[in-house]
Amino acid sequence: MTVLTVVMMRKKKTARPTSKKASGKAPYKRRQPSHLPLTNELLIDAGYTYPEQRIDELLELAGADTNPQSRRDLVNVLQLAQMAWEDEKNTSSRRRPSPKQIQQLEASIEKTRMLLTQIREYDDFRNIGFVAQQIGRGVVAPPAQGLPRNPSISDEELIFPHCDGPVVAINIEPLLRATSLYARRRRRGRGGPKNLEKEAVVFYAEWFFRRHSPKKPSADPKNPFHEFAERFYQVVTKTEPGGLDRQIRKVLAARRSGQ
């Protein structure tokens, strides 16, 4: 799954809305929307494009400004939603580890997190778990670039990263937490939450709406967020959502609880 915790990325080519192409090709537990890499520049280039009229329609449904920043944010978040949707769809059809294995992984990660928090209280270890790594060497990369599952990186490179390109600082604690949450969602996938791909898309739709709309999203079916979310889903998936009320309630409840 695509994990988006990098705060600085190399800008390759510009992905911009276009009226000539419909949305093309190619994690969610993204419970910290303020960390999404959406700034004054278009930092995400996943190879997707969206018709200009769809962008205009979504901005109008949200009641958002049509300035360049709003348009960039919308194209960014559409791409993030599409990557998450495709990842969730693909994951649901693959072989899965046993629930016991996943529980063991969760317990191990949680123990590591607790030990990390405790040991950081000592001056000599206060910076443990904060690392700097160069983009594109197997540790961090732009979302569309992908990362190797088992990178071949020497101990020396991990301690003293190369500096012939952009370097980012990483805090390992939230990454451990994100890994545990991802595993927990997978463990509960069968017999638990359904249509996680819908929830992922609604999550990103809510992020944009909350940031750019003058209206506050709510679970009320008459709230304009519902129509926006359904159209957002159609643009991302090119299919009808078949109802998003449950996913909207879940995303908004998580927002209220701060999860």
Protein backbone atom coordinates (compact mmCIF):
# COMPACT_ATOMS: atom_id res chain seq x y z
CA MET A 1 0.00 0.00 0.00
CA THR A 2 1.12 3.57 -0.61
CA VAL A 3 2.22 5.23 2.65
CA LEU A 4 2.44 9.00 2.52
CA THR A 5 4.60 10.23 5.36
CA VAL A 6 7.33 11.96 3.37
CA VAL A 7 7.25 15.71 3.82
CA MET A 8 9.61 16.66 1.01
CA MET A 9 9.64 15.15 -2.45
CA ARG A 10 11.45 15.65 -5.72
CA LYS A 11 9.19 17.25 -8.27
CA LYS A 12 9.37 15.34 -11.55
CA LYS A 13 6.88 16.36 -14.18
CA THR A 14 3.73 18.37 -13.67
CA ALA A 15 0.46 16.45 -13.50
CA ARG A 16 -2.29 18.87 -14.31
CA PRO A 17 -5.99 18.62 -15.06
CA THR A 18 -6.67 18.35 -18.76
CA SER A 19 -9.73 18.28 -20.91
CA LYS A 20 -8.17 15.84 -23.35
CA LYS A 21 -7.79 12.75 -21.12
CA ALA A 22 -10.08 11.01 -18.72
CA SER A 23 -8.52 9.76 -15.50
CA GLY A 24 -5.99 7.14 -16.49
CA LYS A 25 -3.79 4.65 -14.65
CA ALA A 26 -1.86 4.28 -11.57
CA PRO A 27 -3.26 3.91 2.60
CA TYR A 28 -4.77 4.26 3.96
CA LYS A 29 -5.07 4.62 7.20
CA ARG A 30 -4.34 8.28 6.59
CA ARG A 31 -5.73 9.63 9.81
CA GLN A 32 -3.52 12.71 9.85
CA PRO A 33 -4.74 14.81 6.89
CA SER A 34 -2.68 17.81 7.95
CA HIS A 35 0.39 15.80 6.95
CA LEU A 36 -0.76 15.24 3.39
CA PRO A 37 1.77 16.69 0.95
CA LEU A 38 -0.53 19.35 -0.42
CA THR A 39 1.18 22.73 -0.60
CA ASN A 40 1.59 25.54 -3.08
CA GLU A 41 3.12 23.13 -5.58
CA LEU A 42 1.77 20.03 -7.23
CA LEU A 43 3.94 17.40 -5.56
CA ILE A 44 2.11 14.28 -6.71
CA ASP A 45 2.58 12.84 -10.15
CA ALA A 46 1.01 9.39 -10.25
CA GLY A 47 0.28 9.49 -13.96
CA TYR A 48 -3.43 10.26 -13.56
CA THR A 49 -5.17 13.08 -15.39
CA TYR A 50 -8.69 14.44 -14.99
CA PRO A 51 -10.87 16.38 -17.45
CA GLU A 52 -11.00 20.09 -16.78
CA GLN A 53 -14.79 19.99 -16.66
CA ARG A 54 -14.70 17.42 -13.86
CA ILE A 55 -12.37 19.62 -11.85
CA ASP A 56 -14.67 22.61 -12.38
CA GLU A 57 -17.71 20.55 -11.40
CA LEU A 58 -16.15 19.32 -8.16
CA LEU A 59 -15.00 22.81 -7.20
CA GLU A 60 -18.53 24.09 -7.78
CA LEU A 61 -20.11 21.28 -5.74
CA ALA A 62 -17.77 22.07 -2.86
CA GLY A 63 -18.40 25.80 -3.17
CA ALA A 64 -14.62 26.17 -3.36
CA ASP A 65 -12.62 28.97 -4.95
CA THR A 66 -11.37 28.28 -8.44
CA ASN A 67 -7.90 29.69 -7.77
CA PRO A 68 -4.76 27.72 -8.71
CA GLN A 69 -4.19 26.49 -5.14
CA SER A 70 -7.67 24.94 -4.93
CA ARG A 71 -7.24 23.26 -8.29
CA ARG A 72 -3.80 21.90 -7.36
CA ASP A 73 -5.10 20.55 -4.07
CA LEU A 74 -8.03 18.89 -5.81
CA VAL A 75 -5.86 17.20 -8.44
CA ASN A 76 -3.43 16.07 -5.72
CA VAL A 77 -6.16 14.61 -3.57
CA LEU A 78 -7.88 12.91 -6.51
CA GLN A 79 -4.61 11.14 -7.28
CA LEU A 80 -4.11 10.10 -3.66
CA ALA A 81 -7.67 8.77 -3.57
CA GLN A 82 -7.19 6.84 -6.80
CA MET A 83 -3.96 5.24 -5.57
CA ALA A 84 -5.63 4.26 -2.29
CA TRP A 85 -8.72 2.91 -4.06
CA GLU A 86 -6.69 0.77 -6.44
CA ASP A 87 -4.50 -0.49 -3.61
CA GLU A 88 -7.52 -1.52 -1.52
CA LYS A 89 -9.13 -3.25 -4.50
CA ASN A 90 -5.97 -5.19 -5.28
CA THR A 91 -5.28 -6.15 -1.68
CA SER A 92 -8.72 -7.70 -1.18
CA SER A 93 -7.99 -10.40 -3.78
CA ARG A 94 -4.57 -11.50 -2.45
CA ARG A 95 -3.52 -14.26 -0.05
CA ARG A 96 -3.50 -13.16 3.58
CA PRO A 97 -1.47 -14.06 6.67
CA SER A 98 -3.32 -15.67 9.53
CA PRO A 99 -5.00 -13.43 12.14
CA LYS A 100 -2.53 -14.81 14.69
CA GLN A 101 0.45 -13.66 12.64
CA ILE A 102 -1.05 -10.20 12.26
CA GLN A 103 -1.77 -10.00 15.99
CA GLN A 104 1.83 -10.96 16.73
CA LEU A 105 3.04 -8.22 14.40
CA GLU A 106 0.77 -5.65 16.05
CA ALA A 107 1.96 -6.65 19.53
CA SER A 108 5.61 -6.48 18.50
CA ILE A 109 5.21 -3.05 16.92
CA GLU A 110 3.33 -1.72 19.95
CA LYS A 111 6.04 -2.99 22.29
CA THR A 112 8.69 -1.29 20.15
CA ARG A 113 6.72 1.97 20.18
CA MET A 114 6.42 1.92 23.96
CA LEU A 115 10.12 1.18 24.42
CA LEU A 116 11.01 3.93 21.96
CA THR A 117 8.88 6.45 23.85
CA GLN A 118 10.45 5.47 27.18
CA ILE A 119 14.07 5.48 26.00
CA ARG A 120 13.66 8.91 24.37
CA GLU A 121 13.33 10.33 27.88
CA TYR A 122 17.08 9.85 28.33
CA ASP A 123 19.25 12.66 26.98
CA ASP A 124 21.66 10.40 25.12
CA PHE A 125 18.75 8.70 23.34
CA ARG A 126 16.36 11.60 22.86
CA ASN A 127 16.91 11.55 19.09
CA ILE A 128 16.69 7.82 18.58
CA GLY A 129 14.21 6.99 15.84
CA PHE A 130 14.75 10.29 14.03
CA VAL A 131 16.63 9.58 10.82
CA ALA A 132 17.61 11.44 7.67
CA GLN A 133 17.51 9.66 4.32
CA GLN A 134 17.92 10.66 0.71
CA ILE A 135 14.89 10.35 -1.53
CA GLY A 136 15.05 7.57 -4.06
CA ARG A 137 17.50 5.21 -2.33
CA GLY A 138 14.99 2.64 -1.15
CA VAL A 139 13.75 4.26 2.09
CA VAL A 140 11.61 7.20 0.97
CA ALA A 141 10.21 8.10 -2.45
CA PRO A 142 7.37 10.05 -4.08
CA PRO A 143 4.10 8.04 -3.95
CA ALA A 144 4.06 7.06 -7.61
CA GLN A 145 7.67 5.90 -7.66
CA GLY A 146 7.24 3.00 -5.28
CA LEU A 147 9.73 1.40 -2.91
CA PRO A 148 11.47 -2.01 -2.86
CA ARG A 149 10.08 -4.46 -0.31
CA ASN A 150 13.57 -5.46 0.88
CA PRO A 151 16.04 -2.72 -0.07
CA SER A 152 19.73 -3.52 -0.05
CA ILE A 153 21.15 -0.72 2.09
CA SER A 154 24.36 -0.97 4.08
CA ASP A 155 24.58 -0.03 7.76
CA GLU A 156 26.91 2.80 6.80
CA GLU A 157 24.39 4.25 4.34
CA LEU A 158 21.68 4.18 7.00
CA ILE A 159 23.89 6.00 9.47
CA PHE A 160 25.47 8.39 6.94
CA PRO A 161 23.00 8.91 4.07
CA HIS A 162 24.13 10.11 0.66
CA CYS A 163 23.66 13.81 0.07
CA ASP A 164 23.73 14.07 -3.72
CA GLY A 165 19.98 14.67 -3.82
CA PRO A 166 17.02 15.82 -1.68
CA VAL A 167 17.16 14.50 1.91
CA VAL A 168 14.20 14.19 4.26
CA ALA A 169 13.97 13.81 8.03
CA ILE A 170 11.83 10.92 9.28
CA ASN A 171 10.33 10.18 12.70
CA ILE A 172 9.96 6.42 12.95
CA GLU A 173 7.31 6.45 15.72
CA PRO A 174 4.31 7.53 13.60
CA LEU A 175 5.47 5.13 10.88
CA LEU A 176 5.38 2.27 13.37
CA ARG A 177 1.91 3.36 14.43
CA ALA A 178 0.77 3.58 10.79
CA THR A 179 2.13 0.07 10.16
CA SER A 180 0.23 -1.29 13.15
CA LEU A 181 -3.00 0.41 12.07
CA TYR A 182 -2.59 -0.96 8.54
CA ALA A 183 -2.12 -4.48 9.91
CA ARG A 184 -5.13 -4.11 12.21
CA ARG A 185 -7.34 -3.09 9.32
CA ARG A 186 -6.22 -6.13 7.35
CA ARG A 187 -6.80 -8.45 10.30
CA ARG A 188 -10.35 -7.21 10.60
CA GLY A 189 -10.95 -7.23 6.85
CA ARG A 190 -12.82 -10.52 6.73
CA GLY A 191 -16.02 -10.41 8.70
CA GLY A 192 -15.23 -6.81 9.64
CA PRO A 193 -15.29 -3.50 7.77
CA LYS A 194 -16.39 -3.82 4.16
CA ASN A 195 -15.70 -1.64 1.14
CA LEU A 196 -12.50 -0.19 2.51
CA GLU A 197 -11.78 1.23 -0.92
CA LYS A 198 -14.93 3.37 -0.59
CA GLU A 199 -13.82 4.59 2.80
CA ALA A 200 -10.41 5.56 1.41
CA VAL A 201 -11.99 7.68 -1.34
CA VAL A 202 -14.42 9.33 1.09
CA PHE A 203 -11.53 10.13 3.42
CA TYR A 204 -9.76 12.15 0.72
CA ALA A 205 -13.00 13.76 -0.44
CA GLU A 206 -13.65 14.90 3.13
CA TRP A 207 -10.13 16.27 3.43
CA PHE A 208 -10.57 18.52 0.42
CA PHE A 209 -14.12 19.56 1.32
CA ARG A 210 -13.18 20.48 4.88
CA ARG A 211 -10.22 22.52 3.67
CA HIS A 212 -11.86 24.38 0.78
CA SER A 213 -15.63 24.45 1.23
CA PRO A 214 -17.42 27.19 3.20
CA LYS A 215 -19.74 24.44 4.47
CA LYS A 216 -18.79 22.03 7.23
CA PRO A 217 -19.26 18.38 6.16
CA SER A 218 -21.80 16.41 8.17
CA ALA A 219 -23.65 13.09 8.06
CA ASP A 220 -26.89 14.86 7.15
CA PRO A 221 -27.88 13.60 3.67
CA LYS A 222 -28.86 17.16 2.77
CA ASN A 223 -25.36 18.44 3.49
CA PRO A 224 -23.59 19.36 0.22
CA PHE A 225 -20.69 17.10 1.16
CA HIS A 226 -22.75 14.03 0.23
CA GLU A 227 -23.22 15.10 -3.37
CA PHE A 228 -19.58 16.19 -3.56
CA ALA A 229 -18.36 12.84 -2.17
CA GLU A 230 -20.46 10.85 -4.64
CA ARG A 231 -19.21 12.85 -7.61
CA PHE A 232 -15.64 12.70 -6.29
CA TYR A 233 -15.99 8.91 -6.08
CA GLN A 234 -17.27 8.74 -9.66
CA VAL A 235 -14.34 10.79 -10.95
CA VAL A 236 -11.81 8.61 -9.12
CA THR A 237 -13.29 5.18 -9.90
CA LYS A 238 -15.35 5.86 -13.03
CA THR A 239 -18.16 3.87 -11.36
CA GLU A 240 -21.28 4.70 -9.37
CA PRO A 241 -20.71 4.53 -5.59
CA GLY A 242 -23.99 2.77 -4.81
CA GLY A 243 -24.32 4.68 -1.55
CA LEU A 244 -21.63 6.22 0.66
CA ASP A 245 -23.63 7.04 3.78
CA ARG A 246 -21.92 4.45 5.97
CA GLN A 247 -18.44 5.46 4.84
CA ILE A 248 -19.25 9.14 5.33
CA ARG A 249 -20.45 8.51 8.89
CA LYS A 250 -17.33 6.49 9.65
CA VAL A 251 -14.90 9.07 8.27
CA LEU A 252 -16.63 11.95 10.04
CA ALA A 253 -16.75 10.00 13.31
CA ALA A 254 -13.03 9.34 13.07
CA ARG A 255 -12.46 13.04 12.40
CA ARG A 256 -14.42 14.02 15.52
CA SER A 257 -12.54 11.53 17.70
CA GLY A 258 -9.20 12.68 16.30
CA GLN A 259 -8.18 9.24 15.08
